[in-house]
Amino acid sequence: MKALNTLILIYIHLQIQYVTVELIHWVLYVTVELIHWVLYVTVELIHWVLYVTVELIHQVLYVTVELIHQVLYDCRAHPPGVIWSHIVYMSR
């Protein structure tokens, strides 16, 4: 009888350890998945912000270069007095 009681106690102890290990495994799995999701979303947001920033800088530089090109072209095509009068006229 004592041997049977010992076996039952060992079985219960092993079952408690098994359940404990499974709970720890589940908690770790969920934690890792949450960390993965947070990092993924963070990286995607950073990527989007950088993409939009680079596109905005690109557009600003493009427009600036085009304006400089147009001004230089106008300066070459017309005498300085004509350009200055045009600038004064457009600023009114």
PDB file of N, CA and C in Angstrom:
ATOM      1  N   MET A   1       0.834  -1.201   0.000  1.00  0.00           N
ATOM      2  CA  MET A   1       0.000   0.000   0.000  1.00  0.00           C
ATOM      3  C   MET A   1       0.874   1.258   0.000  1.00  0.00           C
ATOM      4  N   LYS A   2       1.968   1.205   0.770  1.00  0.00           N
ATOM      5  CA  LYS A   2       2.845   2.365   0.849  1.00  0.00           C
ATOM      6  C   LYS A   2       3.485   2.638  -0.510  1.00  0.00           C
ATOM      7  N   ALA A   3       3.825   1.589  -1.237  1.00  0.00           N
ATOM      8  CA  ALA A   3       4.423   1.750  -2.569  1.00  0.00           C
ATOM      9  C   ALA A   3       3.423   2.380  -3.521  1.00  0.00           C
ATOM     10  N   LEU A   4       2.154   1.990  -3.426  1.00  0.00           N
ATOM     11  CA  LEU A   4       1.120   2.569  -4.285  1.00  0.00           C
ATOM     12  C   LEU A   4       0.919   4.043  -3.980  1.00  0.00           C
ATOM     13  N   ASN A   5       0.902   4.389  -2.708  1.00  0.00           N
ATOM     14  CA  ASN A   5       0.780   5.801  -2.320  1.00  0.00           C
ATOM     15  C   ASN A   5       1.968   6.612  -2.836  1.00  0.00           C
ATOM     16  N   THR A   6       3.176   6.051  -2.770  1.00  0.00           N
ATOM     17  CA  THR A   6       4.368   6.727  -3.263  1.00  0.00           C
ATOM     18  C   THR A   6       4.282   6.947  -4.767  1.00  0.00           C
ATOM     19  N   LEU A   7       3.823   5.925  -5.495  1.00  0.00           N
ATOM     20  CA  LEU A   7       3.664   6.050  -6.948  1.00  0.00           C
ATOM     21  C   LEU A   7       2.614   7.113  -7.306  1.00  0.00           C
ATOM     22  N   ILE A   8       1.549   7.151  -6.558  1.00  0.00           N
ATOM     23  CA  ILE A   8       0.508   8.157  -6.809  1.00  0.00           C
ATOM     24  C   ILE A   8       1.059   9.560  -6.555  1.00  0.00           C
ATOM     25  N   LEU A   9       1.823   9.711  -5.465  1.00  0.00           N
ATOM     26  CA  LEU A   9       2.421  11.021  -5.160  1.00  0.00           C
ATOM     27  C   LEU A   9       3.430  11.430  -6.237  1.00  0.00           C
ATOM     28  N   ILE A  10       4.218  10.482  -6.715  1.00  0.00           N
ATOM     29  CA  ILE A  10       5.177  10.779  -7.789  1.00  0.00           C
ATOM     30  C   ILE A  10       4.424  11.185  -9.060  1.00  0.00           C
ATOM     31  N   TYR A  11       3.349  10.467  -9.378  1.00  0.00           N
ATOM     32  CA  TYR A  11       2.546  10.781 -10.565  1.00  0.00           C
ATOM     33  C   TYR A  11       1.949  12.189 -10.463  1.00  0.00           C
ATOM     34  N   ILE A  12       1.403  12.516  -9.312  1.00  0.00           N
ATOM     35  CA  ILE A  12       0.816  13.850  -9.107  1.00  0.00           C
ATOM     36  C   ILE A  12       1.903  14.914  -9.231  1.00  0.00           C
ATOM     37  N   HIS A  13       3.052  14.648  -8.639  1.00  0.00           N
ATOM     38  CA  HIS A  13       4.162  15.598  -8.716  1.00  0.00           C
ATOM     39  C   HIS A  13       4.598  15.810 -10.168  1.00  0.00           C
ATOM     40  N   LEU A  14       4.703  14.744 -10.928  1.00  0.00           N
ATOM     41  CA  LEU A  14       5.089  14.852 -12.344  1.00  0.00           C
ATOM     42  C   LEU A  14       4.033  15.601 -13.163  1.00  0.00           C
ATOM     43  N   GLN A  15       2.764  15.361 -12.849  1.00  0.00           N
ATOM     44  CA  GLN A  15       1.696  16.070 -13.557  1.00  0.00           C
ATOM     45  C   GLN A  15       1.750  17.569 -13.262  1.00  0.00           C
ATOM     46  N   ILE A  16       2.032  17.918 -12.016  1.00  0.00           N
ATOM     47  CA  ILE A  16       2.151  19.339 -11.652  1.00  0.00           C
ATOM     48  C   ILE A  16       3.332  19.962 -12.387  1.00  0.00           C
ATOM     49  N   GLN A  17       4.445  19.247 -12.454  1.00  0.00           N
ATOM     50  CA  GLN A  17       5.604  19.770 -13.183  1.00  0.00           C
ATOM     51  C   GLN A  17       5.289  19.933 -14.667  1.00  0.00           C
ATOM     52  N   TYR A  18       4.581  18.957 -15.253  1.00  0.00           N
ATOM     53  CA  TYR A  18       4.221  19.019 -16.666  1.00  0.00           C
ATOM     54  C   TYR A  18       3.339  20.243 -16.950  1.00  0.00           C
ATOM     55  N   VAL A  19       2.335  20.443 -16.118  1.00  0.00           N
ATOM     56  CA  VAL A  19       1.440  21.585 -16.288  1.00  0.00           C
ATOM     57  C   VAL A  19       2.209  22.891 -16.112  1.00  0.00           C
ATOM     58  N   THR A  20       3.118  22.929 -15.160  1.00  0.00           N
ATOM     59  CA  THR A  20       3.927  24.124 -14.934  1.00  0.00           C
ATOM     60  C   THR A  20       4.795  24.423 -16.153  1.00  0.00           C
ATOM     61  N   VAL A  21       5.432  23.409 -16.695  1.00  0.00           N
ATOM     62  CA  VAL A  21       6.272  23.598 -17.877  1.00  0.00           C
ATOM     63  C   VAL A  21       5.429  24.051 -19.067  1.00  0.00           C
ATOM     64  N   GLU A  22       4.271  23.478 -19.238  1.00  0.00           N
ATOM     65  CA  GLU A  22       3.389  23.879 -20.340  1.00  0.00           C
ATOM     66  C   GLU A  22       2.934  25.332 -20.180  1.00  0.00           C
ATOM     67  N   LEU A  23       2.620  25.739 -18.979  1.00  0.00           N
ATOM     68  CA  LEU A  23       2.220  27.129 -18.731  1.00  0.00           C
ATOM     69  C   LEU A  23       3.380  28.089 -19.023  1.00  0.00           C
ATOM     70  N   ILE A  24       4.566  27.720 -18.564  1.00  0.00           N
ATOM     71  CA  ILE A  24       5.737  28.563 -18.842  1.00  0.00           C
ATOM     72  C   ILE A  24       5.970  28.646 -20.347  1.00  0.00           C
ATOM     73  N   HIS A  25       5.860  27.514 -21.037  1.00  0.00           N
ATOM     74  CA  HIS A  25       6.027  27.494 -22.497  1.00  0.00           C
ATOM     75  C   HIS A  25       5.011  28.408 -23.175  1.00  0.00           C
ATOM     76  N   TRP A  26       3.760  28.332 -22.758  1.00  0.00           N
ATOM     77  CA  TRP A  26       2.710  29.144 -23.364  1.00  0.00           C
ATOM     78  C   TRP A  26       2.961  30.631 -23.105  1.00  0.00           C
ATOM     79  N   VAL A  27       3.339  30.967 -21.869  1.00  0.00           N
ATOM     80  CA  VAL A  27       3.613  32.378 -21.532  1.00  0.00           C
ATOM     81  C   VAL A  27       4.784  32.897 -22.362  1.00  0.00           C
ATOM     82  N   LEU A  28       5.844  32.111 -22.478  1.00  0.00           N
ATOM     83  CA  LEU A  28       6.989  32.531 -23.281  1.00  0.00           C
ATOM     84  C   LEU A  28       6.620  32.670 -24.756  1.00  0.00           C
ATOM     85  N   TYR A  29       5.849  31.746 -25.262  1.00  0.00           N
ATOM     86  CA  TYR A  29       5.422  31.806 -26.667  1.00  0.00           C
ATOM     87  C   TYR A  29       4.616  33.073 -26.944  1.00  0.00           C
ATOM     88  N   VAL A  30       3.651  33.345 -26.087  1.00  0.00           N
ATOM     89  CA  VAL A  30       2.811  34.538 -26.263  1.00  0.00           C
ATOM     90  C   VAL A  30       3.664  35.804 -26.131  1.00  0.00           C
ATOM     91  N   THR A  31       4.588  35.829 -25.189  1.00  0.00           N
ATOM     92  CA  THR A  31       5.461  36.985 -25.013  1.00  0.00           C
ATOM     93  C   THR A  31       6.310  37.226 -26.254  1.00  0.00           C
ATOM     94  N   VAL A  32       6.907  36.162 -26.784  1.00  0.00           N
ATOM     95  CA  VAL A  32       7.741  36.294 -27.979  1.00  0.00           C
ATOM     96  C   VAL A  32       6.894  36.749 -29.173  1.00  0.00           C
ATOM     97  N   GLU A  33       5.703  36.227 -29.317  1.00  0.00           N
ATOM     98  CA  GLU A  33       4.834  36.647 -30.412  1.00  0.00           C
ATOM     99  C   GLU A  33       4.447  38.120 -30.283  1.00  0.00           C
ATOM    100  N   LEU A  34       4.164  38.562 -29.081  1.00  0.00           N
ATOM    101  CA  LEU A  34       3.828  39.972 -28.869  1.00  0.00           C
ATOM    102  C   LEU A  34       5.019  40.875 -29.174  1.00  0.00           C
ATOM    103  N   ILE A  35       6.199  40.475 -28.717  1.00  0.00           N
ATOM    104  CA  ILE A  35       7.402  41.256 -29.008  1.00  0.00           C
ATOM    105  C   ILE A  35       7.633  41.301 -30.512  1.00  0.00           C
ATOM    106  N   HIS A  36       7.475  40.174 -31.175  1.00  0.00           N
ATOM    107  CA  HIS A  36       7.642  40.124 -32.634  1.00  0.00           C
ATOM    108  C   HIS A  36       6.666  41.066 -33.327  1.00  0.00           C
ATOM    109  N   TRP A  37       5.414  41.049 -32.907  1.00  0.00           N
ATOM    110  CA  TRP A  37       4.396  41.902 -33.522  1.00  0.00           C
ATOM    111  C   TRP A  37       4.711  43.379 -33.288  1.00  0.00           C
ATOM    112  N   VAL A  38       5.092  43.721 -32.065  1.00  0.00           N
ATOM    113  CA  VAL A  38       5.422  45.121 -31.748  1.00  0.00           C
ATOM    114  C   VAL A  38       6.620  45.577 -32.578  1.00  0.00           C
ATOM    115  N   LEU A  39       7.650  44.748 -32.670  1.00  0.00           N
ATOM    116  CA  LEU A  39       8.820  45.112 -33.470  1.00  0.00           C
ATOM    117  C   LEU A  39       8.465  45.235 -34.948  1.00  0.00           C
ATOM    118  N   TYR A  40       7.652  44.339 -35.445  1.00  0.00           N
ATOM    119  CA  TYR A  40       7.241  44.395 -36.847  1.00  0.00           C
ATOM    120  C   TYR A  40       6.491  45.696 -37.148  1.00  0.00           C
ATOM    121  N   VAL A  41       5.531  46.021 -36.302  1.00  0.00           N
ATOM    122  CA  VAL A  41       4.750  47.248 -36.496  1.00  0.00           C
ATOM    123  C   VAL A  41       5.652  48.472 -36.378  1.00  0.00           C
ATOM    124  N   THR A  42       6.570  48.464 -35.423  1.00  0.00           N
ATOM    125  CA  THR A  42       7.487  49.587 -35.252  1.00  0.00           C
ATOM    126  C   THR A  42       8.368  49.772 -36.480  1.00  0.00           C
ATOM    127  N   VAL A  43       8.918  48.684 -36.985  1.00  0.00           N
ATOM    128  CA  VAL A  43       9.770  48.767 -38.171  1.00  0.00           C
ATOM    129  C   VAL A  43       8.967  49.234 -39.381  1.00  0.00           C
ATOM    130  N   GLU A  44       7.753  48.760 -39.527  1.00  0.00           N
ATOM    131  CA  GLU A  44       6.911  49.200 -40.645  1.00  0.00           C
ATOM    132  C   GLU A  44       6.593  50.692 -40.533  1.00  0.00           C
ATOM    133  N   LEU A  45       6.310  51.159 -39.334  1.00  0.00           N
ATOM    134  CA  LEU A  45       6.035  52.585 -39.146  1.00  0.00           C
ATOM    135  C   LEU A  45       7.270  53.431 -39.447  1.00  0.00           C
ATOM    136  N   ILE A  46       8.424  52.990 -38.966  1.00  0.00           N
ATOM    137  CA  ILE A  46       9.663  53.719 -39.253  1.00  0.00           C
ATOM    138  C   ILE A  46       9.921  53.732 -40.750  1.00  0.00           C
ATOM    139  N   HIS A  47       9.718  52.593 -41.389  1.00  0.00           N
ATOM    140  CA  HIS A  47       9.907  52.511 -42.841  1.00  0.00           C
ATOM    141  C   HIS A  47       8.979  53.490 -43.563  1.00  0.00           C
ATOM    142  N   TRP A  48       7.725  53.537 -43.166  1.00  0.00           N
ATOM    143  CA  TRP A  48       6.757  54.425 -43.805  1.00  0.00           C
ATOM    144  C   TRP A  48       7.146  55.886 -43.591  1.00  0.00           C
ATOM    145  N   VAL A  49       7.523  56.241 -42.359  1.00  0.00           N
ATOM    146  CA  VAL A  49       7.908  57.619 -42.067  1.00  0.00           C
ATOM    147  C   VAL A  49       9.139  58.015 -42.882  1.00  0.00           C
ATOM    148  N   LEU A  50      10.131  57.131 -42.933  1.00  0.00           N
ATOM    149  CA  LEU A  50      11.326  57.428 -43.723  1.00  0.00           C
ATOM    150  C   LEU A  50      11.000  57.545 -45.208  1.00  0.00           C
ATOM    151  N   TYR A  51      10.157  56.675 -45.703  1.00  0.00           N
ATOM    152  CA  TYR A  51       9.764  56.721 -47.109  1.00  0.00           C
ATOM    153  C   TYR A  51       9.079  58.047 -47.440  1.00  0.00           C
ATOM    154  N   VAL A  52       8.127  58.432 -46.607  1.00  0.00           N
ATOM    155  CA  VAL A  52       7.409  59.691 -46.842  1.00  0.00           C
ATOM    156  C   VAL A  52       8.365  60.877 -46.742  1.00  0.00           C
ATOM    157  N   THR A  53       9.267  60.853 -45.760  1.00  0.00           N
ATOM    158  CA  THR A  53      10.236  61.939 -45.596  1.00  0.00           C
ATOM    159  C   THR A  53      11.136  62.051 -46.817  1.00  0.00           C
ATOM    160  N   VAL A  54      11.646  60.924 -47.284  1.00  0.00           N
ATOM    161  CA  VAL A  54      12.523  60.939 -48.466  1.00  0.00           C
ATOM    162  C   VAL A  54      11.761  61.413 -49.691  1.00  0.00           C
ATOM    163  N   GLU A  55      10.525  60.984 -49.838  1.00  0.00           N
ATOM    164  CA  GLU A  55       9.729  61.443 -50.983  1.00  0.00           C
ATOM    165  C   GLU A  55       9.467  62.946 -50.916  1.00  0.00           C
ATOM    166  N   LEU A  56       9.184  63.458 -49.725  1.00  0.00           N
ATOM    167  CA  LEU A  56       8.973  64.900 -49.579  1.00  0.00           C
ATOM    168  C   LEU A  56      10.242  65.680 -49.900  1.00  0.00           C
ATOM    169  N   ILE A  57      11.378  65.204 -49.377  1.00  0.00           N
ATOM    170  CA  ILE A  57      12.654  65.864 -49.671  1.00  0.00           C
ATOM    171  C   ILE A  57      12.923  65.808 -51.172  1.00  0.00           C
ATOM    172  N   HIS A  58      12.654  64.672 -51.775  1.00  0.00           N
ATOM    173  CA  HIS A  58      12.858  64.532 -53.218  1.00  0.00           C
ATOM    174  C   HIS A  58      12.003  65.534 -53.993  1.00  0.00           C
ATOM    175  N   GLN A  59      10.744  65.667 -53.618  1.00  0.00           N
ATOM    176  CA  GLN A  59       9.862  66.599 -54.313  1.00  0.00           C
ATOM    177  C   GLN A  59      10.313  68.045 -54.118  1.00  0.00           C
ATOM    178  N   VAL A  60      10.709  68.386 -52.897  1.00  0.00           N
ATOM    179  CA  VAL A  60      11.185  69.757 -52.632  1.00  0.00           C
ATOM    180  C   VAL A  60      12.442  70.045 -53.450  1.00  0.00           C
ATOM    181  N   LEU A  61      13.376  69.106 -53.473  1.00  0.00           N
ATOM    182  CA  LEU A  61      14.591  69.304 -54.258  1.00  0.00           C
ATOM    183  C   LEU A  61      14.280  69.386 -55.752  1.00  0.00           C
ATOM    184  N   TYR A  62      13.376  68.549 -56.213  1.00  0.00           N
ATOM    185  CA  TYR A  62      12.999  68.565 -57.630  1.00  0.00           C
ATOM    186  C   TYR A  62      12.407  69.915 -58.024  1.00  0.00           C
ATOM    187  N   VAL A  63      11.472  70.402 -57.212  1.00  0.00           N
ATOM    188  CA  VAL A  63      10.837  71.692 -57.508  1.00  0.00           C
ATOM    189  C   VAL A  63      11.868  72.817 -57.431  1.00  0.00           C
ATOM    190  N   THR A  64      12.757  72.752 -56.436  1.00  0.00           N
ATOM    191  CA  THR A  64      13.789  73.780 -56.302  1.00  0.00           C
ATOM    192  C   THR A  64      14.708  73.794 -57.516  1.00  0.00           C
ATOM    193  N   VAL A  65      15.148  72.635 -57.938  1.00  0.00           N
ATOM    194  CA  VAL A  65      16.024  72.555 -59.105  1.00  0.00           C
ATOM    195  C   VAL A  65      15.298  73.037 -60.359  1.00  0.00           C
ATOM    196  N   GLU A  66      14.050  72.668 -60.490  1.00  0.00           N
ATOM    197  CA  GLU A  66      13.283  73.132 -61.649  1.00  0.00           C
ATOM    198  C   GLU A  66      13.117  74.653 -61.642  1.00  0.00           C
ATOM    199  N   LEU A  67      12.867  75.231 -60.460  1.00  0.00           N
ATOM    200  CA  LEU A  67      12.742  76.688 -60.371  1.00  0.00           C
ATOM    201  C   LEU A  67      14.066  77.374 -60.699  1.00  0.00           C
ATOM    202  N   ILE A  68      15.160  76.836 -60.156  1.00  0.00           N
ATOM    203  CA  ILE A  68      16.480  77.407 -60.464  1.00  0.00           C
ATOM    204  C   ILE A  68      16.758  77.300 -61.957  1.00  0.00           C
ATOM    205  N   HIS A  69      16.447  76.153 -62.520  1.00  0.00           N
ATOM    206  CA  HIS A  69      16.650  75.956 -63.957  1.00  0.00           C
ATOM    207  C   HIS A  69      15.841  76.968 -64.767  1.00  0.00           C
ATOM    208  N   GLN A  70      14.594  77.168 -64.369  1.00  0.00           N
ATOM    209  CA  GLN A  70      13.737  78.104 -65.092  1.00  0.00           C
ATOM    210  C   GLN A  70      14.261  79.531 -64.975  1.00  0.00           C
ATOM    211  N   VAL A  71      14.697  79.916 -63.761  1.00  0.00           N
ATOM    212  CA  VAL A  71      15.234  81.262 -63.562  1.00  0.00           C
ATOM    213  C   VAL A  71      16.498  81.454 -64.389  1.00  0.00           C
ATOM    214  N   LEU A  72      17.386  80.470 -64.362  1.00  0.00           N
ATOM    215  CA  LEU A  72      18.619  80.590 -65.152  1.00  0.00           C
ATOM    216  C   LEU A  72      18.306  80.633 -66.644  1.00  0.00           C
ATOM    217  N   TYR A  73      17.345  79.850 -67.081  1.00  0.00           N
ATOM    218  CA  TYR A  73      16.955  79.862 -68.484  1.00  0.00           C
ATOM    219  C   TYR A  73      16.378  81.228 -68.864  1.00  0.00           C
ATOM    220  N   ASP A  74      15.523  81.773 -67.989  1.00  0.00           N
ATOM    221  CA  ASP A  74      14.938  83.088 -68.257  1.00  0.00           C
ATOM    222  C   ASP A  74      16.013  84.163 -68.272  1.00  0.00           C
ATOM    223  N   CYS A  75      16.987  84.074 -67.361  1.00  0.00           N
ATOM    224  CA  CYS A  75      18.070  85.059 -67.322  1.00  0.00           C
ATOM    225  C   CYS A  75      18.901  84.998 -68.596  1.00  0.00           C
ATOM    226  N   ARG A  76      19.094  83.825 -69.138  1.00  0.00           N
ATOM    227  CA  ARG A  76      19.879  83.672 -70.349  1.00  0.00           C
ATOM    228  C   ARG A  76      19.082  84.148 -71.578  1.00  0.00           C
ATOM    229  N   ALA A  77      17.782  83.940 -71.524  1.00  0.00           N
ATOM    230  CA  ALA A  77      16.954  84.262 -72.686  1.00  0.00           C
ATOM    231  C   ALA A  77      16.562  85.734 -72.745  1.00  0.00           C
ATOM    232  N   HIS A  78      16.543  86.419 -71.617  1.00  0.00           N
ATOM    233  CA  HIS A  78      16.090  87.805 -71.572  1.00  0.00           C
ATOM    234  C   HIS A  78      17.150  88.667 -70.890  1.00  0.00           C
ATOM    235  N   PRO A  79      17.199  89.920 -71.218  1.00  0.00           N
ATOM    236  CA  PRO A  79      18.117  90.836 -70.521  1.00  0.00           C
ATOM    237  C   PRO A  79      17.725  90.966 -69.044  1.00  0.00           C
ATOM    238  N   PRO A  80      18.665  91.293 -68.176  1.00  0.00           N
ATOM    239  CA  PRO A  80      18.380  91.382 -66.741  1.00  0.00           C
ATOM    240  C   PRO A  80      17.251  92.344 -66.399  1.00  0.00           C
ATOM    241  N   GLY A  81      17.133  93.447 -67.138  1.00  0.00           N
ATOM    242  CA  GLY A  81      16.063  94.405 -66.839  1.00  0.00           C
ATOM    243  C   GLY A  81      14.689  93.792 -67.032  1.00  0.00           C
ATOM    244  N   VAL A  82      14.547  92.938 -68.021  1.00  0.00           N
ATOM    245  CA  VAL A  82      13.247  92.302 -68.271  1.00  0.00           C
ATOM    246  C   VAL A  82      12.900  91.348 -67.133  1.00  0.00           C
ATOM    247  N   ILE A  83      13.888  90.578 -66.682  1.00  0.00           N
ATOM    248  CA  ILE A  83      13.660  89.634 -65.578  1.00  0.00           C
ATOM    249  C   ILE A  83      13.285  90.401 -64.316  1.00  0.00           C
ATOM    250  N   TRP A  84      14.043  91.483 -64.004  1.00  0.00           N
ATOM    251  CA  TRP A  84      13.767  92.253 -62.800  1.00  0.00           C
ATOM    252  C   TRP A  84      12.381  92.858 -62.857  1.00  0.00           C
ATOM    253  N   SER A  85      11.973  93.387 -63.986  1.00  0.00           N
ATOM    254  CA  SER A  85      10.641  93.965 -64.083  1.00  0.00           C
ATOM    255  C   SER A  85       9.575  92.889 -63.958  1.00  0.00           C
ATOM    256  N   HIS A  86       9.853  91.685 -64.473  1.00  0.00           N
ATOM    257  CA  HIS A  86       8.914  90.586 -64.342  1.00  0.00           C
ATOM    258  C   HIS A  86       8.772  90.184 -62.861  1.00  0.00           C
ATOM    259  N   ILE A  87       9.897  90.108 -62.131  1.00  0.00           N
ATOM    260  CA  ILE A  87       9.863  89.773 -60.703  1.00  0.00           C
ATOM    261  C   ILE A  87       9.093  90.826 -59.930  1.00  0.00           C
ATOM    262  N   VAL A  88       9.329  92.077 -60.216  1.00  0.00           N
ATOM    263  CA  VAL A  88       8.620  93.156 -59.533  1.00  0.00           C
ATOM    264  C   VAL A  88       7.136  93.084 -59.853  1.00  0.00           C
ATOM    265  N   TYR A  89       6.802  92.803 -61.116  1.00  0.00           N
ATOM    266  CA  TYR A  89       5.404  92.714 -61.523  1.00  0.00           C
ATOM    267  C   TYR A  89       4.712  91.541 -60.824  1.00  0.00           C
ATOM    268  N   MET A  90       5.396  90.386 -60.732  1.00  0.00           N
ATOM    269  CA  MET A  90       4.796  89.200 -60.120  1.00  0.00           C
ATOM    270  C   MET A  90       4.669  89.346 -58.610  1.00  0.00           C
ATOM    271  N   SER A  91       5.472  90.209 -57.979  1.00  0.00           N
ATOM    272  CA  SER A  91       5.415  90.350 -56.520  1.00  0.00           C
ATOM    273  C   SER A  91       4.304  91.305 -56.092  1.00  0.00           C
ATOM    274  N   ARG A  92       3.665  91.956 -57.011  1.00  0.00           N
ATOM    275  CA  ARG A  92       2.584  92.901 -56.646  1.00  0.00           C
ATOM    276  C   ARG A  92       1.319  92.176 -56.309  1.00  0.00           C
TER     277      ARG A  92
END
